[in-house]
Amino acid sequence: MSSLNQVQLIGNVGRDPDIRYTANSDPVANFSIATSEKWRDKNSGDAHEKTEWHRVVVFGKLAQVVSDYVKKGTKLFVQGKMQTRKWADKEGNDKYTTEVVLSGWGSKLVMLGGGDSSRPPAQGSVEKPRAEVSETVEEFDDDIPF
């Protein structure tokens, strides 16, 4: 049986993205997205809200889009894969970071909302995407004999 590693999130960017470049001058964008859920306690009627923060790493063409257009407060739809990486802190202790990675085929970034993306949409409204960018597989002109 095959497996699937796909993550889709809609949320707000928590701070301006950090843009770095690889040795080959390819952009890499790092930022966090906040997703929230709200509910009302059935017994007390009290309103509750829970916010989760998700690290996002974007490579290639999508990273350039992030660099040019995404800022703190921007509402985004992102689609990528979940990835955990291991690293060592200053004392040499192993640490782990889990991230949503947008790289290559199947990765998607959609900027949602109107001009002021820091303002939440009206209750019950459906937002029209402002821009959508996807990574695509480039076609090759190789003559393959099959």
Foldseek 3Di string as FASTA:
>chain_A
DDDDFKDKDKFFWAFQWDWDADPVRWIKTKTKGKDKDWDADPPPRHIDMDIDIAIEIETHPVRVVSVVDNGGLWIKIWMAGKDKDWDADPVRDIDIDIHGYADAAPIKMWTWDDPRSNDDDDPPDDIDTPDIDGHDDDDDPDDDPD
